[in-house]
């Protein structure tokens, strides 16, 4: 297959992965992400606001130039929650096609969950006991119950951090009534998830992508090496480290979070909401192990392309 590019059009970031594929294996040549915050100002109303729309187009221009620099002929773009659920999402896809010559595959929540699982299982040894995977995006959050060989249950909820932030607009710093409102919304939405987790006796949680990456980096920075979490394909959280960092995030103002080491400025406003989602799960399940998978949707898509390339529409016109 040779060199392949993947563009993951998420709600918060547009991510680019370039890899050299040899048989069923691949080597990563380049990874980058650009903050777009497509949900800002409109996601809870079902549209991509003008400034966010333009940030998305600008980010794709940069990614396309990188693909050209690497002389990539085969590349694939996939769009997730913000684009699939917005009234002007199809217009964005059409504008990208007309202006940049990039065809975008819009995927549903089930496909997104499948790709996340395919990515995570490359990074973590699942063994036989089912684990719960959580991928907190900007527009949606995917929950997957799986072991090393199969997915037992999966569901995508419209509970992304950016979506909840726009919907509830918590005070700065967050106050108890804001927390209670969001927590109640999660409780009303996630009863089925909790029932499935009890059915499969879930005691292990794997987080993937943005918010969990940020938590791992913040913890690493507090221990003196901001890059230690990047040295393996996974990162094991110690619960006392997690509890300490989540307390700091809860109690902080946005201005304070913007100065914290390891906390990407783009996520400074959303991290409180992400913590509420994670804590809801930890408080309702007997979780004994908390891990980060550094592989997620992009790596999962690359894996499916290697095995079933005919399922995907190439993005180069």
Protein backbone atom coordinates (compact mmCIF):
# COMPACT_ATOMS: atom_id res chain seq x y z
CA UNK A 1 0.00 0.00 0.00
CA UNK A 2 2.94 2.35 0.60
CA UNK A 3 2.43 5.76 2.19
CA UNK A 4 -1.09 6.56 3.44
CA UNK A 5 -2.62 9.65 5.03
CA UNK A 6 -5.54 9.78 7.47
CA UNK A 7 -7.45 12.98 8.31
CA UNK A 8 -9.74 12.66 11.32
CA UNK A 9 -12.17 15.61 11.34
CA UNK A 10 -13.15 15.68 14.99
CA UNK A 11 -15.25 18.29 16.74
CA UNK A 12 -12.33 19.80 18.66
CA UNK A 13 -9.37 18.98 16.44
CA UNK A 14 -8.61 17.96 12.88
CA UNK A 15 -5.93 15.28 13.18
CA UNK A 16 -3.50 14.08 10.53
CA UNK A 17 -1.66 10.76 10.52
CA UNK A 18 0.80 9.76 7.80
CA UNK A 19 2.16 6.21 7.80
CA UNK A 20 4.15 3.89 5.61
CA UNK A 21 2.28 0.59 5.22
CA UNK A 22 4.13 -2.64 4.56
CA UNK A 23 1.85 -5.66 4.47
CA UNK A 24 -0.18 -5.69 7.69
CA UNK A 25 2.29 -3.45 9.53
CA UNK A 26 2.90 0.27 9.43
CA UNK A 27 5.36 2.89 10.62
CA UNK A 28 4.15 6.35 11.58
CA UNK A 29 5.93 9.07 9.58
CA UNK A 30 4.05 12.13 10.81
CA UNK A 31 1.35 13.05 13.33
CA UNK A 32 -0.16 16.46 13.92
CA UNK A 33 -3.38 18.08 15.08
CA UNK A 34 -4.94 21.50 14.59
CA UNK A 35 -7.48 22.95 17.01
CA UNK A 36 -10.70 23.90 15.21
CA UNK A 37 -13.38 23.83 17.96
CA UNK A 38 -16.16 23.26 15.42
CA UNK A 39 -18.68 23.12 18.25
CA UNK A 40 -17.99 26.61 19.54
CA UNK A 41 -21.01 28.86 19.31
CA UNK A 42 -23.40 26.50 17.60
CA UNK A 43 -23.15 22.76 18.25
CA UNK A 44 -25.99 22.69 20.80
CA UNK A 45 -28.17 24.43 18.19
CA UNK A 46 -27.25 22.03 15.40
CA UNK A 47 -24.96 24.13 13.22
CA UNK A 48 -21.30 25.01 12.72
CA UNK A 49 -20.87 28.70 13.47
CA UNK A 50 -19.12 30.89 10.83
CA UNK A 51 -15.80 31.33 12.66
CA UNK A 52 -15.57 27.64 13.48
CA UNK A 53 -16.51 26.79 9.89
CA UNK A 54 -13.60 28.88 8.61
CA UNK A 55 -11.19 27.36 11.14
CA UNK A 56 -12.11 23.96 9.76
CA UNK A 57 -11.43 24.97 6.17
CA UNK A 58 -8.12 26.60 7.14
CA UNK A 59 -7.00 23.50 9.03
CA UNK A 60 -7.70 21.26 6.05
CA UNK A 61 -5.65 23.55 3.81
CA UNK A 62 -2.69 23.06 6.15
CA UNK A 63 -3.17 19.28 6.31
CA UNK A 64 -3.46 19.01 2.54
CA UNK A 65 -0.19 20.89 2.11
CA UNK A 66 1.49 18.47 4.54
CA UNK A 67 0.16 15.54 2.52
CA UNK A 68 1.59 17.12 -0.64
CA UNK A 69 4.91 17.68 1.10
CA UNK A 70 5.06 13.96 1.92
CA UNK A 71 3.95 13.11 -1.64
CA UNK A 72 0.93 11.19 -0.38
CA UNK A 73 -1.41 10.02 -3.13
CA UNK A 74 -3.66 7.78 -1.02
CA UNK A 75 -5.37 9.57 1.82
CA UNK A 76 -8.72 9.28 3.56
CA UNK A 77 -10.73 11.88 5.47
CA UNK A 78 -13.41 10.92 8.00
CA UNK A 79 -15.81 13.28 9.79
CA UNK A 80 -17.49 12.59 13.11
CA UNK A 81 -20.06 14.16 15.43
CA UNK A 82 -20.01 17.90 14.73
CA UNK A 83 -20.23 17.50 10.97
CA UNK A 84 -22.67 14.58 10.90
CA UNK A 85 -25.08 16.23 13.35
CA UNK A 86 -25.00 19.83 12.07
CA UNK A 87 -27.54 21.23 9.62
CA UNK A 88 -24.69 22.78 7.61
CA UNK A 89 -22.39 19.76 7.93
CA UNK A 90 -23.14 18.58 4.38
CA UNK A 91 -22.48 22.12 3.12
CA UNK A 92 -19.07 22.01 4.83
CA UNK A 93 -18.32 18.71 3.11
CA UNK A 94 -19.32 20.21 -0.25
CA UNK A 95 -17.22 23.34 0.31
CA UNK A 96 -14.20 21.20 1.16
CA UNK A 97 -14.73 19.18 -2.02
CA UNK A 98 -15.04 22.31 -4.18
CA UNK A 99 -12.26 24.36 -2.60
CA UNK A 100 -9.70 21.68 -1.72
CA UNK A 101 -10.62 18.64 -3.77
CA UNK A 102 -10.98 16.50 -0.66
CA UNK A 103 -13.79 13.95 -0.39
CA UNK A 104 -14.93 13.39 3.20
CA UNK A 105 -16.38 10.14 4.53
CA UNK A 106 -19.03 11.02 7.14
CA UNK A 107 -19.25 8.14 9.61
CA UNK A 108 -21.98 7.35 12.11
CA UNK A 109 -21.50 6.71 15.81
CA UNK A 110 -21.36 2.92 15.42
CA UNK A 111 -18.60 3.09 12.84
CA UNK A 112 -16.75 5.63 14.97
CA UNK A 113 -16.90 3.24 17.93
CA UNK A 114 -15.63 0.35 15.77
CA UNK A 115 -12.66 2.39 14.57
CA UNK A 116 -11.82 3.52 18.12
CA UNK A 117 -11.84 -0.11 19.28
CA UNK A 118 -9.60 -1.14 16.38
CA UNK A 119 -7.17 1.57 17.39
CA UNK A 120 -7.22 0.91 21.13
CA UNK A 121 -6.64 -2.83 20.83
CA UNK A 122 -3.40 -2.10 18.95
CA UNK A 123 -2.15 -0.20 22.00
CA UNK A 124 -3.39 -2.25 24.95
CA UNK A 125 -3.41 -5.96 25.80
CA UNK A 126 -7.09 -6.60 26.49
CA UNK A 127 -6.93 -10.27 27.45
CA UNK A 128 -10.27 -12.04 28.01
CA UNK A 129 -12.00 -9.87 30.61
CA UNK A 130 -14.19 -7.16 29.04
CA UNK A 131 -13.07 -3.56 29.51
CA UNK A 132 -14.91 -0.29 29.02
CA UNK A 133 -13.44 2.09 26.45
CA UNK A 134 -14.41 5.77 26.62
CA UNK A 135 -13.59 8.30 23.93
CA UNK A 136 -14.74 11.77 24.98
CA UNK A 137 -15.01 13.89 21.87
CA UNK A 138 -16.25 17.40 21.45
CA UNK A 139 -19.62 16.46 19.98
CA UNK A 140 -20.14 12.88 21.11
CA UNK A 141 -18.75 10.34 23.55
CA UNK A 142 -18.30 6.73 22.50
CA UNK A 143 -18.58 3.86 24.99
CA UNK A 144 -17.41 0.39 23.99
CA UNK A 145 -17.39 -2.82 26.02
CA UNK A 146 -14.92 -5.27 24.52
CA UNK A 147 -12.15 -7.77 25.11
CA UNK A 148 -9.22 -8.69 22.88
CA UNK A 149 -11.33 -10.54 20.33
CA UNK A 150 -14.75 -8.89 20.13
CA UNK A 151 -17.02 -5.96 20.89
CA UNK A 152 -19.87 -6.94 23.20
CA UNK A 153 -21.67 -3.59 23.24
CA UNK A 154 -21.12 -0.08 21.91
CA UNK A 155 -23.00 3.19 21.78
CA UNK A 156 -22.34 6.77 20.77
CA UNK A 157 -24.01 9.44 22.92
CA UNK A 158 -24.44 13.14 22.15
CA UNK A 159 -22.46 13.91 25.28
CA UNK A 160 -19.29 15.46 23.95
CA UNK A 161 -17.42 17.97 26.13
CA UNK A 162 -17.93 20.88 23.75
CA UNK A 163 -21.63 20.06 23.33
CA UNK A 164 -22.21 19.96 27.10
CA UNK A 165 -20.16 23.11 27.62
CA UNK A 166 -22.29 25.02 25.10
CA UNK A 167 -25.50 23.56 26.53
CA UNK A 168 -24.91 24.21 30.24
CA UNK A 169 -22.45 27.15 30.18
CA UNK A 170 -21.05 26.47 33.68
CA UNK A 171 -19.75 29.37 35.75
CA UNK A 172 -16.05 30.14 36.13
CA UNK A 173 -15.00 28.40 38.33
CA UNK A 174 -17.71 25.77 38.16
CA UNK A 175 -20.26 25.84 40.99
CA UNK A 176 -22.25 23.07 42.62
CA UNK A 177 -25.48 23.82 40.75
CA UNK A 178 -23.62 23.59 37.40
CA UNK A 179 -22.11 20.27 38.42
CA UNK A 180 -25.48 18.93 39.57
CA UNK A 181 -27.16 19.93 36.31
CA UNK A 182 -24.55 18.18 34.15
CA UNK A 183 -24.38 15.14 36.43
CA UNK A 184 -28.17 14.81 36.34
CA UNK A 185 -28.10 15.01 32.53
CA UNK A 186 -25.53 12.20 32.45
CA UNK A 187 -27.60 10.13 34.85
CA UNK A 188 -30.67 10.51 32.64
CA UNK A 189 -28.68 9.56 29.54
CA UNK A 190 -26.41 6.74 30.68
CA UNK A 191 -28.58 4.26 32.59
CA UNK A 192 -28.30 1.74 29.76
CA UNK A 193 -24.51 2.05 29.84
CA UNK A 194 -24.38 1.34 33.57
CA UNK A 195 -26.65 -1.69 33.16
CA UNK A 196 -24.40 -3.10 30.44
CA UNK A 197 -21.29 -2.48 32.52
CA UNK A 198 -22.87 -4.42 35.41
CA UNK A 199 -23.81 -7.24 33.03
CA UNK A 200 -20.22 -7.57 31.83
CA UNK A 201 -18.73 -6.96 35.31
CA UNK A 202 -16.61 -4.03 34.17
CA UNK A 203 -13.78 -3.07 36.53
CA UNK A 204 -11.31 -1.62 34.03
CA UNK A 205 -11.57 1.65 32.13
CA UNK A 206 -9.59 2.69 29.05
CA UNK A 207 -9.72 6.29 27.88
CA UNK A 208 -8.61 7.38 24.43
CA UNK A 209 -7.97 10.71 22.73
CA UNK A 210 -8.01 14.34 23.85
CA UNK A 211 -9.16 14.61 27.45
CA UNK A 212 -7.31 11.49 28.60
CA UNK A 213 -4.18 12.56 26.70
CA UNK A 214 -4.38 15.87 28.54
CA UNK A 215 -4.77 14.22 31.96
CA UNK A 216 -1.77 11.97 31.28
CA UNK A 217 0.36 14.93 30.22
CA UNK A 218 -0.68 17.04 33.22
CA UNK A 219 0.19 14.20 35.61
CA UNK A 220 3.50 13.62 33.82
CA UNK A 221 4.38 17.31 34.08
CA UNK A 222 3.66 17.30 37.81
CA UNK A 223 6.15 14.43 38.14
CA UNK A 224 8.84 16.36 36.28
CA UNK A 225 8.77 14.92 32.75
CA UNK A 226 5.96 16.13 30.49
CA UNK A 227 6.82 13.56 27.82
CA UNK A 228 6.89 10.39 29.91
CA UNK A 229 3.32 9.49 28.96
CA UNK A 230 4.31 9.39 25.28
CA UNK A 231 6.99 6.72 25.69
CA UNK A 232 4.59 3.77 25.31
CA UNK A 233 1.39 3.13 23.38
CA UNK A 234 -0.48 3.22 26.69
CA UNK A 235 -0.29 4.99 30.05
CA UNK A 236 -1.39 3.60 33.41
CA UNK A 237 -3.04 6.10 35.72
CA UNK A 238 -2.55 5.73 39.46
CA UNK A 239 -5.83 6.64 41.06
CA UNK A 240 -4.27 8.98 43.62
CA UNK A 241 -2.62 10.91 40.75
CA UNK A 242 -5.94 11.11 38.91
CA UNK A 243 -7.82 12.18 42.03
CA UNK A 244 -5.31 14.93 42.74
CA UNK A 245 -5.38 16.37 39.21
CA UNK A 246 -9.18 16.24 38.92
CA UNK A 247 -9.53 18.16 42.20
CA UNK A 248 -7.16 20.84 40.90
CA UNK A 249 -9.13 21.14 37.63
CA UNK A 250 -12.49 21.32 39.43
CA UNK A 251 -11.35 24.11 41.74
CA UNK A 252 -9.64 26.22 39.08
CA UNK A 253 -10.73 29.14 36.96
CA UNK A 254 -10.31 29.13 33.20
CA UNK A 255 -7.50 31.66 33.58
CA UNK A 256 -5.69 29.35 36.00
CA UNK A 257 -6.12 26.33 33.74
CA UNK A 258 -4.64 28.23 30.81
CA UNK A 259 -1.40 28.44 32.80
CA UNK A 260 -1.25 24.79 33.85
CA UNK A 261 1.56 22.66 32.43
CA UNK A 262 0.37 19.91 30.13
CA UNK A 263 -3.07 21.41 29.61
CA UNK A 264 -3.51 22.39 25.97
CA UNK A 265 -5.14 25.85 25.84
CA UNK A 266 -7.79 24.54 23.43
CA UNK A 267 -9.02 22.11 26.12
CA UNK A 268 -8.84 24.50 29.07
CA UNK A 269 -12.55 25.32 28.97
CA UNK A 270 -13.71 21.74 28.30
CA UNK A 271 -11.62 19.84 30.85
CA UNK A 272 -14.03 20.46 33.73
CA UNK A 273 -16.86 18.88 31.73
CA UNK A 274 -14.64 15.95 30.71
CA UNK A 275 -13.79 15.36 34.37
CA UNK A 276 -17.50 15.30 35.24
CA UNK A 277 -18.05 12.60 32.60
CA UNK A 278 -15.11 10.50 33.81
CA UNK A 279 -16.08 10.89 37.47
CA UNK A 280 -19.65 9.89 36.72
CA UNK A 281 -18.34 6.54 35.45
CA UNK A 282 -15.84 6.11 38.30
CA UNK A 283 -18.50 6.93 40.90
CA UNK A 284 -21.03 4.46 39.50
CA UNK A 285 -18.77 1.51 38.71
CA UNK A 286 -16.19 -0.40 40.75
CA UNK A 287 -13.22 0.60 38.57
CA UNK A 288 -9.86 -0.77 39.72
CA UNK A 289 -7.76 0.04 36.66
CA UNK A 290 -7.61 3.27 34.65
CA UNK A 291 -5.55 3.42 31.46
CA UNK A 292 -4.95 5.66 28.46
CA UNK A 293 -4.66 4.30 24.95
CA UNK A 294 -2.57 6.60 22.76
CA UNK A 295 -4.15 4.95 19.70
CA UNK A 296 -7.73 5.70 18.73
CA UNK A 297 -9.78 6.44 15.61
CA UNK A 298 -6.90 7.30 13.24
CA UNK A 299 -4.98 4.13 14.00
CA UNK A 300 -8.19 2.12 13.86
CA UNK A 301 -8.99 3.48 10.42
CA UNK A 302 -5.47 2.71 9.24
CA UNK A 303 -5.93 -0.86 10.43
CA UNK A 304 -9.21 -1.26 8.53
CA UNK A 305 -7.67 0.27 5.39
CA UNK A 306 -4.92 -2.32 5.51
CA UNK A 307 -7.45 -5.14 5.81
CA UNK A 308 -10.44 -3.80 3.82
CA UNK A 309 -9.44 -0.82 1.64
CA UNK A 310 -12.46 -1.24 -0.64
CA UNK A 311 -14.81 -0.07 2.13
CA UNK A 312 -13.45 3.48 2.06
CA UNK A 313 -13.68 6.31 -0.41
CA UNK A 314 -10.31 7.90 -1.15
CA UNK A 315 -10.24 11.60 -0.44
CA UNK A 316 -8.02 12.72 -3.30
CA UNK A 317 -9.93 13.76 -6.42
